[in-house]
Amino acid sequence: TQAINEVLNERYKELCYEGHRFFDLKRRGLPVTRSIADAPSAAGTTLEANNFRFVLPIPLPEMVANPAMKQNPGYQ
C-alpha cells in the first residue's frame, strides 16, 4: 500500500486548492485533521470519518417536495 499512499500524496499536491481533498478523505474513510497553523479558528480540530458533518443536510425545499425523504442523521 506504499504505492497507493504515494499516488494519494501526489494527488494531494497536484490538486491542491481544487476542492478534492475533502472527498478523497471521505472516500478513504480518513479523518479531517486541522492544525491551528492552517485554521486558527479550528484550534487543532479533528473531524472523524464517521462524524455526521461529513454528509451535508438535505435542503428544506427537497424535504417539503418529497415527504417520504428522511433528513440525514445529525440534522433533524
PDB file of N, CA and C in Angstrom:
ATOM      1  N   THR A   1       0.806  -1.205   0.000  1.00  0.00           N
ATOM      2  CA  THR A   1       0.000   0.000   0.000  1.00  0.00           C
ATOM      3  C   THR A   1       0.852   1.273   0.000  1.00  0.00           C
ATOM      4  N   GLN A   2       2.153   1.088   0.014  1.00  0.00           N
ATOM      5  CA  GLN A   2       3.037   2.257  -0.079  1.00  0.00           C
ATOM      6  C   GLN A   2       2.805   2.975  -1.407  1.00  0.00           C
ATOM      7  N   ALA A   3       2.607   2.196  -2.487  1.00  0.00           N
ATOM      8  CA  ALA A   3       2.368   2.804  -3.801  1.00  0.00           C
ATOM      9  C   ALA A   3       1.079   3.622  -3.783  1.00  0.00           C
ATOM     10  N   ILE A   4       0.050   3.090  -3.146  1.00  0.00           N
ATOM     11  CA  ILE A   4      -1.220   3.816  -3.061  1.00  0.00           C
ATOM     12  C   ILE A   4      -1.031   5.116  -2.287  1.00  0.00           C
ATOM     13  N   ASN A   5      -0.312   5.050  -1.186  1.00  0.00           N
ATOM     14  CA  ASN A   5      -0.062   6.264  -0.399  1.00  0.00           C
ATOM     15  C   ASN A   5       0.725   7.298  -1.191  1.00  0.00           C
ATOM     16  N   GLU A   6       1.676   6.846  -1.999  1.00  0.00           N
ATOM     17  CA  GLU A   6       2.445   7.778  -2.830  1.00  0.00           C
ATOM     18  C   GLU A   6       1.562   8.427  -3.888  1.00  0.00           C
ATOM     19  N   VAL A   7       0.684   7.634  -4.499  1.00  0.00           N
ATOM     20  CA  VAL A   7      -0.242   8.179  -5.503  1.00  0.00           C
ATOM     21  C   VAL A   7      -1.176   9.196  -4.847  1.00  0.00           C
ATOM     22  N   LEU A   8      -1.711   8.861  -3.684  1.00  0.00           N
ATOM     23  CA  LEU A   8      -2.615   9.783  -2.988  1.00  0.00           C
ATOM     24  C   LEU A   8      -1.905  11.057  -2.557  1.00  0.00           C
ATOM     25  N   ASN A   9      -0.665  10.925  -2.131  1.00  0.00           N
ATOM     26  CA  ASN A   9       0.109  12.109  -1.755  1.00  0.00           C
ATOM     27  C   ASN A   9       0.368  12.995  -2.976  1.00  0.00           C
ATOM     28  N   GLU A  10       0.659  12.376  -4.103  1.00  0.00           N
ATOM     29  CA  GLU A  10       0.875  13.141  -5.337  1.00  0.00           C
ATOM     30  C   GLU A  10      -0.424  13.827  -5.773  1.00  0.00           C
ATOM     31  N   ARG A  11      -1.540  13.111  -5.657  1.00  0.00           N
ATOM     32  CA  ARG A  11      -2.841  13.700  -5.997  1.00  0.00           C
ATOM     33  C   ARG A  11      -3.114  14.908  -5.101  1.00  0.00           C
ATOM     34  N   TYR A  12      -2.777  14.768  -3.810  1.00  0.00           N
ATOM     35  CA  TYR A  12      -2.951  15.863  -2.855  1.00  0.00           C
ATOM     36  C   TYR A  12      -2.174  17.096  -3.304  1.00  0.00           C
ATOM     37  N   LYS A  13      -0.947  16.894  -3.756  1.00  0.00           N
ATOM     38  CA  LYS A  13      -0.111  18.024  -4.187  1.00  0.00           C
ATOM     39  C   LYS A  13      -0.577  18.602  -5.523  1.00  0.00           C
ATOM     40  N   GLU A  14      -0.943  17.734  -6.458  1.00  0.00           N
ATOM     41  CA  GLU A  14      -1.339  18.191  -7.792  1.00  0.00           C
ATOM     42  C   GLU A  14      -2.679  18.927  -7.782  1.00  0.00           C
ATOM     43  N   LEU A  15      -3.591  18.485  -6.935  1.00  0.00           N
ATOM     44  CA  LEU A  15      -4.947  19.037  -6.965  1.00  0.00           C
ATOM     45  C   LEU A  15      -5.250  19.968  -5.790  1.00  0.00           C
ATOM     46  N   CYS A  16      -4.195  20.447  -5.131  1.00  0.00           N
ATOM     47  CA  CYS A  16      -4.450  21.343  -4.002  1.00  0.00           C
ATOM     48  C   CYS A  16      -5.206  22.585  -4.493  1.00  0.00           C
ATOM     49  N   TYR A  17      -6.056  23.093  -3.657  1.00  0.00           N
ATOM     50  CA  TYR A  17      -6.877  24.288  -3.935  1.00  0.00           C
ATOM     51  C   TYR A  17      -7.955  24.050  -4.986  1.00  0.00           C
ATOM     52  N   GLU A  18      -8.220  22.780  -5.326  1.00  0.00           N
ATOM     53  CA  GLU A  18      -9.284  22.493  -6.290  1.00  0.00           C
ATOM     54  C   GLU A  18     -10.497  21.834  -5.639  1.00  0.00           C
ATOM     55  N   GLY A  19     -10.455  21.656  -4.325  1.00  0.00           N
ATOM     56  CA  GLY A  19     -11.615  21.151  -3.605  1.00  0.00           C
ATOM     57  C   GLY A  19     -11.806  19.649  -3.622  1.00  0.00           C
ATOM     58  N   HIS A  20     -10.764  18.883  -3.917  1.00  0.00           N
ATOM     59  CA  HIS A  20     -10.897  17.427  -3.977  1.00  0.00           C
ATOM     60  C   HIS A  20     -10.530  16.736  -2.664  1.00  0.00           C
ATOM     61  N   ARG A  21      -9.762  17.369  -1.811  1.00  0.00           N
ATOM     62  CA  ARG A  21      -9.200  16.727  -0.624  1.00  0.00           C
ATOM     63  C   ARG A  21     -10.281  16.192   0.317  1.00  0.00           C
ATOM     64  N   PHE A  22     -11.298  16.981   0.579  1.00  0.00           N
ATOM     65  CA  PHE A  22     -12.367  16.550   1.480  1.00  0.00           C
ATOM     66  C   PHE A  22     -12.995  15.251   0.991  1.00  0.00           C
ATOM     67  N   PHE A  23     -13.301  15.179  -0.295  1.00  0.00           N
ATOM     68  CA  PHE A  23     -13.956  13.997  -0.844  1.00  0.00           C
ATOM     69  C   PHE A  23     -13.004  12.800  -0.898  1.00  0.00           C
ATOM     70  N   ASP A  24     -11.721  13.048  -1.119  1.00  0.00           N
ATOM     71  CA  ASP A  24     -10.732  11.968  -1.060  1.00  0.00           C
ATOM     72  C   ASP A  24     -10.676  11.377   0.345  1.00  0.00           C
ATOM     73  N   LEU A  25     -10.684  12.233   1.362  1.00  0.00           N
ATOM     74  CA  LEU A  25     -10.661  11.757   2.741  1.00  0.00           C
ATOM     75  C   LEU A  25     -11.927  10.972   3.065  1.00  0.00           C
ATOM     76  N   LYS A  26     -13.065  11.478   2.632  1.00  0.00           N
ATOM     77  CA  LYS A  26     -14.339  10.795   2.870  1.00  0.00           C
ATOM     78  C   LYS A  26     -14.343   9.432   2.191  1.00  0.00           C
ATOM     79  N   ARG A  27     -13.920   9.373   0.953  1.00  0.00           N
ATOM     80  CA  ARG A  27     -13.899   8.130   0.187  1.00  0.00           C
ATOM     81  C   ARG A  27     -13.031   7.076   0.862  1.00  0.00           C
ATOM     82  N   ARG A  28     -11.908   7.502   1.435  1.00  0.00           N
ATOM     83  CA  ARG A  28     -10.967   6.570   2.061  1.00  0.00           C
ATOM     84  C   ARG A  28     -11.262   6.326   3.540  1.00  0.00           C
ATOM     85  N   GLY A  29     -12.284   7.013   4.082  1.00  0.00           N
ATOM     86  CA  GLY A  29     -12.642   6.820   5.480  1.00  0.00           C
ATOM     87  C   GLY A  29     -11.623   7.393   6.445  1.00  0.00           C
ATOM     88  N   LEU A  30     -10.962   8.483   6.035  1.00  0.00           N
ATOM     89  CA  LEU A  30      -9.933   9.112   6.863  1.00  0.00           C
ATOM     90  C   LEU A  30     -10.481  10.372   7.530  1.00  0.00           C
ATOM     91  N   PRO A  31      -9.981  10.719   8.706  1.00  0.00           N
ATOM     92  CA  PRO A  31     -10.452  11.933   9.376  1.00  0.00           C
ATOM     93  C   PRO A  31      -9.856  13.190   8.750  1.00  0.00           C
ATOM     94  N   VAL A  32     -10.546  14.303   8.925  1.00  0.00           N
ATOM     95  CA  VAL A  32     -10.025  15.611   8.534  1.00  0.00           C
ATOM     96  C   VAL A  32      -9.349  16.186   9.767  1.00  0.00           C
ATOM     97  N   THR A  33      -8.054  16.432   9.676  1.00  0.00           N
ATOM     98  CA  THR A  33      -7.300  16.975  10.801  1.00  0.00           C
ATOM     99  C   THR A  33      -6.861  18.384  10.455  1.00  0.00           C
ATOM    100  N   ARG A  34      -7.244  19.338  11.285  1.00  0.00           N
ATOM    101  CA  ARG A  34      -6.896  20.737  11.064  1.00  0.00           C
ATOM    102  C   ARG A  34      -5.973  21.188  12.179  1.00  0.00           C
ATOM    103  N   SER A  35      -4.853  21.764  11.803  1.00  0.00           N
ATOM    104  CA  SER A  35      -3.943  22.301  12.813  1.00  0.00           C
ATOM    105  C   SER A  35      -4.262  23.773  13.042  1.00  0.00           C
ATOM    106  N   ILE A  36      -3.782  24.301  14.133  1.00  0.00           N
ATOM    107  CA  ILE A  36      -4.001  25.720  14.429  1.00  0.00           C
ATOM    108  C   ILE A  36      -3.334  26.583  13.364  1.00  0.00           C
ATOM    109  N   ALA A  37      -2.213  26.109  12.822  1.00  0.00           N
ATOM    110  CA  ALA A  37      -1.483  26.883  11.813  1.00  0.00           C
ATOM    111  C   ALA A  37      -2.292  27.054  10.535  1.00  0.00           C
ATOM    112  N   ASP A  38      -3.067  26.022  10.148  1.00  0.00           N
ATOM    113  CA  ASP A  38      -3.782  26.150   8.878  1.00  0.00           C
ATOM    114  C   ASP A  38      -5.230  26.580   9.077  1.00  0.00           C
ATOM    115  N   ALA A  39      -5.720  26.576  10.301  1.00  0.00           N
ATOM    116  CA  ALA A  39      -7.082  27.026  10.571  1.00  0.00           C
ATOM    117  C   ALA A  39      -7.165  27.528  12.011  1.00  0.00           C
ATOM    118  N   PRO A  40      -6.781  28.785  12.252  1.00  0.00           N
ATOM    119  CA  PRO A  40      -6.760  29.300  13.627  1.00  0.00           C
ATOM    120  C   PRO A  40      -8.084  29.134  14.373  1.00  0.00           C
ATOM    121  N   SER A  41      -9.193  29.252  13.670  1.00  0.00           N
ATOM    122  CA  SER A  41     -10.484  29.121  14.350  1.00  0.00           C
ATOM    123  C   SER A  41     -10.817  27.669  14.677  1.00  0.00           C
ATOM    124  N   ALA A  42     -10.148  26.716  14.013  1.00  0.00           N
ATOM    125  CA  ALA A  42     -10.419  25.300  14.272  1.00  0.00           C
ATOM    126  C   ALA A  42      -9.716  24.817  15.532  1.00  0.00           C
ATOM    127  N   ALA A  43      -8.668  25.500  15.955  1.00  0.00           N
ATOM    128  CA  ALA A  43      -7.927  25.180  17.188  1.00  0.00           C
ATOM    129  C   ALA A  43      -7.502  23.722  17.267  1.00  0.00           C
ATOM    130  N   GLY A  44      -6.952  23.200  16.190  1.00  0.00           N
ATOM    131  CA  GLY A  44      -6.435  21.837  16.202  1.00  0.00           C
ATOM    132  C   GLY A  44      -7.514  20.778  16.240  1.00  0.00           C
ATOM    133  N   THR A  45      -8.562  20.941  15.481  1.00  0.00           N
ATOM    134  CA  THR A  45      -9.709  20.048  15.489  1.00  0.00           C
ATOM    135  C   THR A  45      -9.507  18.859  14.560  1.00  0.00           C
ATOM    136  N   THR A  46     -10.064  17.718  14.945  1.00  0.00           N
ATOM    137  CA  THR A  46     -10.100  16.546  14.072  1.00  0.00           C
ATOM    138  C   THR A  46     -11.555  16.159  13.876  1.00  0.00           C
ATOM    139  N   LEU A  47     -11.958  16.012  12.625  1.00  0.00           N
ATOM    140  CA  LEU A  47     -13.309  15.582  12.283  1.00  0.00           C
ATOM    141  C   LEU A  47     -13.213  14.119  11.880  1.00  0.00           C
ATOM    142  N   GLU A  48     -13.705  13.231  12.740  1.00  0.00           N
ATOM    143  CA  GLU A  48     -13.610  11.799  12.474  1.00  0.00           C
ATOM    144  C   GLU A  48     -14.444  11.424  11.255  1.00  0.00           C
ATOM    145  N   ALA A  49     -14.037  10.356  10.575  1.00  0.00           N
ATOM    146  CA  ALA A  49     -14.676   9.949   9.324  1.00  0.00           C
ATOM    147  C   ALA A  49     -16.144   9.576   9.504  1.00  0.00           C
ATOM    148  N   ASN A  50     -16.552   9.145  10.696  1.00  0.00           N
ATOM    149  CA  ASN A  50     -17.950   8.765  10.908  1.00  0.00           C
ATOM    150  C   ASN A  50     -18.794   9.906  11.472  1.00  0.00           C
ATOM    151  N   ASN A  51     -18.250  11.119  11.533  1.00  0.00           N
ATOM    152  CA  ASN A  51     -18.973  12.278  12.041  1.00  0.00           C
ATOM    153  C   ASN A  51     -20.076  12.669  11.061  1.00  0.00           C
ATOM    154  N   PHE A  52     -21.243  13.040  11.583  1.00  0.00           N
ATOM    155  CA  PHE A  52     -22.363  13.396  10.708  1.00  0.00           C
ATOM    156  C   PHE A  52     -22.056  14.595   9.821  1.00  0.00           C
ATOM    157  N   ARG A  53     -21.085  15.417  10.187  1.00  0.00           N
ATOM    158  CA  ARG A  53     -20.761  16.607   9.391  1.00  0.00           C
ATOM    159  C   ARG A  53     -20.084  16.271   8.063  1.00  0.00           C
ATOM    160  N   PHE A  54     -19.716  15.005   7.866  1.00  0.00           N
ATOM    161  CA  PHE A  54     -19.150  14.586   6.585  1.00  0.00           C
ATOM    162  C   PHE A  54     -20.228  14.541   5.498  1.00  0.00           C
ATOM    163  N   VAL A  55     -21.505  14.531   5.904  1.00  0.00           N
ATOM    164  CA  VAL A  55     -22.627  14.490   4.963  1.00  0.00           C
ATOM    165  C   VAL A  55     -23.418  15.780   5.137  1.00  0.00           C
ATOM    166  N   LEU A  56     -23.749  16.416   4.044  1.00  0.00           N
ATOM    167  CA  LEU A  56     -24.496  17.677   4.114  1.00  0.00           C
ATOM    168  C   LEU A  56     -25.976  17.424   4.382  1.00  0.00           C
ATOM    169  N   PRO A  57     -26.676  18.397   4.964  1.00  0.00           N
ATOM    170  CA  PRO A  57     -28.114  18.231   5.163  1.00  0.00           C
ATOM    171  C   PRO A  57     -28.846  18.332   3.826  1.00  0.00           C
ATOM    172  N   ILE A  58     -29.966  17.655   3.752  1.00  0.00           N
ATOM    173  CA  ILE A  58     -30.809  17.754   2.559  1.00  0.00           C
ATOM    174  C   ILE A  58     -31.554  19.082   2.661  1.00  0.00           C
ATOM    175  N   PRO A  59     -31.549  19.901   1.601  1.00  0.00           N
ATOM    176  CA  PRO A  59     -32.209  21.212   1.663  1.00  0.00           C
ATOM    177  C   PRO A  59     -33.705  21.097   1.979  1.00  0.00           C
ATOM    178  N   LEU A  60     -34.220  22.060   2.721  1.00  0.00           N
ATOM    179  CA  LEU A  60     -35.621  22.060   3.129  1.00  0.00           C
ATOM    180  C   LEU A  60     -36.590  21.963   1.946  1.00  0.00           C
ATOM    181  N   PRO A  61     -36.385  22.694   0.832  1.00  0.00           N
ATOM    182  CA  PRO A  61     -37.316  22.547  -0.292  1.00  0.00           C
ATOM    183  C   PRO A  61     -37.397  21.107  -0.813  1.00  0.00           C
ATOM    184  N   GLU A  62     -36.298  20.375  -0.767  1.00  0.00           N
ATOM    185  CA  GLU A  62     -36.315  18.971  -1.192  1.00  0.00           C
ATOM    186  C   GLU A  62     -37.120  18.126  -0.208  1.00  0.00           C
ATOM    187  N   MET A  63     -36.981  18.433   1.074  1.00  0.00           N
ATOM    188  CA  MET A  63     -37.723  17.694   2.095  1.00  0.00           C
ATOM    189  C   MET A  63     -39.226  17.958   1.972  1.00  0.00           C
ATOM    190  N   VAL A  64     -39.590  19.205   1.668  1.00  0.00           N
ATOM    191  CA  VAL A  64     -41.004  19.565   1.510  1.00  0.00           C
ATOM    192  C   VAL A  64     -41.576  18.925   0.254  1.00  0.00           C
ATOM    193  N   ALA A  65     -40.804  18.898  -0.822  1.00  0.00           N
ATOM    194  CA  ALA A  65     -41.274  18.336  -2.088  1.00  0.00           C
ATOM    195  C   ALA A  65     -41.463  16.821  -2.008  1.00  0.00           C
ATOM    196  N   ASN A  66     -40.719  16.164  -1.137  1.00  0.00           N
ATOM    197  CA  ASN A  66     -40.822  14.715  -1.012  1.00  0.00           C
ATOM    198  C   ASN A  66     -40.958  14.349   0.466  1.00  0.00           C
ATOM    199  N   PRO A  67     -42.183  14.256   0.975  1.00  0.00           N
ATOM    200  CA  PRO A  67     -42.393  13.972   2.401  1.00  0.00           C
ATOM    201  C   PRO A  67     -41.829  12.621   2.851  1.00  0.00           C
ATOM    202  N   ALA A  68     -41.614  11.697   1.936  1.00  0.00           N
ATOM    203  CA  ALA A  68     -41.075  10.381   2.298  1.00  0.00           C
ATOM    204  C   ALA A  68     -39.565  10.429   2.544  1.00  0.00           C
ATOM    205  N   MET A  69     -38.930  11.518   2.155  1.00  0.00           N
ATOM    206  CA  MET A  69     -37.479  11.633   2.313  1.00  0.00           C
ATOM    207  C   MET A  69     -37.135  11.882   3.776  1.00  0.00           C
ATOM    208  N   LYS A  70     -36.076  11.228   4.237  1.00  0.00           N
ATOM    209  CA  LYS A  70     -35.617  11.407   5.616  1.00  0.00           C
ATOM    210  C   LYS A  70     -34.349  12.250   5.617  1.00  0.00           C
ATOM    211  N   GLN A  71     -34.287  13.184   6.546  1.00  0.00           N
ATOM    212  CA  GLN A  71     -33.110  14.047   6.681  1.00  0.00           C
ATOM    213  C   GLN A  71     -31.908  13.217   7.128  1.00  0.00           C
ATOM    214  N   ASN A  72     -30.743  13.616   6.674  1.00  0.00           N
ATOM    215  CA  ASN A  72     -29.518  12.933   7.075  1.00  0.00           C
ATOM    216  C   ASN A  72     -29.349  13.018   8.588  1.00  0.00           C
ATOM    217  N   PRO A  73     -28.798  11.960   9.203  1.00  0.00           N
ATOM    218  CA  PRO A  73     -28.615  11.957  10.657  1.00  0.00           C
ATOM    219  C   PRO A  73     -27.798  13.163  11.127  1.00  0.00           C
ATOM    220  N   GLY A  74     -28.195  13.716  12.259  1.00  0.00           N
ATOM    221  CA  GLY A  74     -27.497  14.856  12.841  1.00  0.00           C
ATOM    222  C   GLY A  74     -28.096  16.192  12.451  1.00  0.00           C
ATOM    223  N   TYR A  75     -29.017  16.213  11.488  1.00  0.00           N
ATOM    224  CA  TYR A  75     -29.594  17.476  11.016  1.00  0.00           C
ATOM    225  C   TYR A  75     -31.103  17.562  11.251  1.00  0.00           C
ATOM    226  N   GLN A  76     -31.659  16.696  12.097  1.00  0.00           N
ATOM    227  CA  GLN A  76     -33.108  16.701  12.319  1.00  0.00           C
ATOM    228  C   GLN A  76     -33.537  17.949  13.039  1.00  0.00           C
TER     229      GLN A  76
END
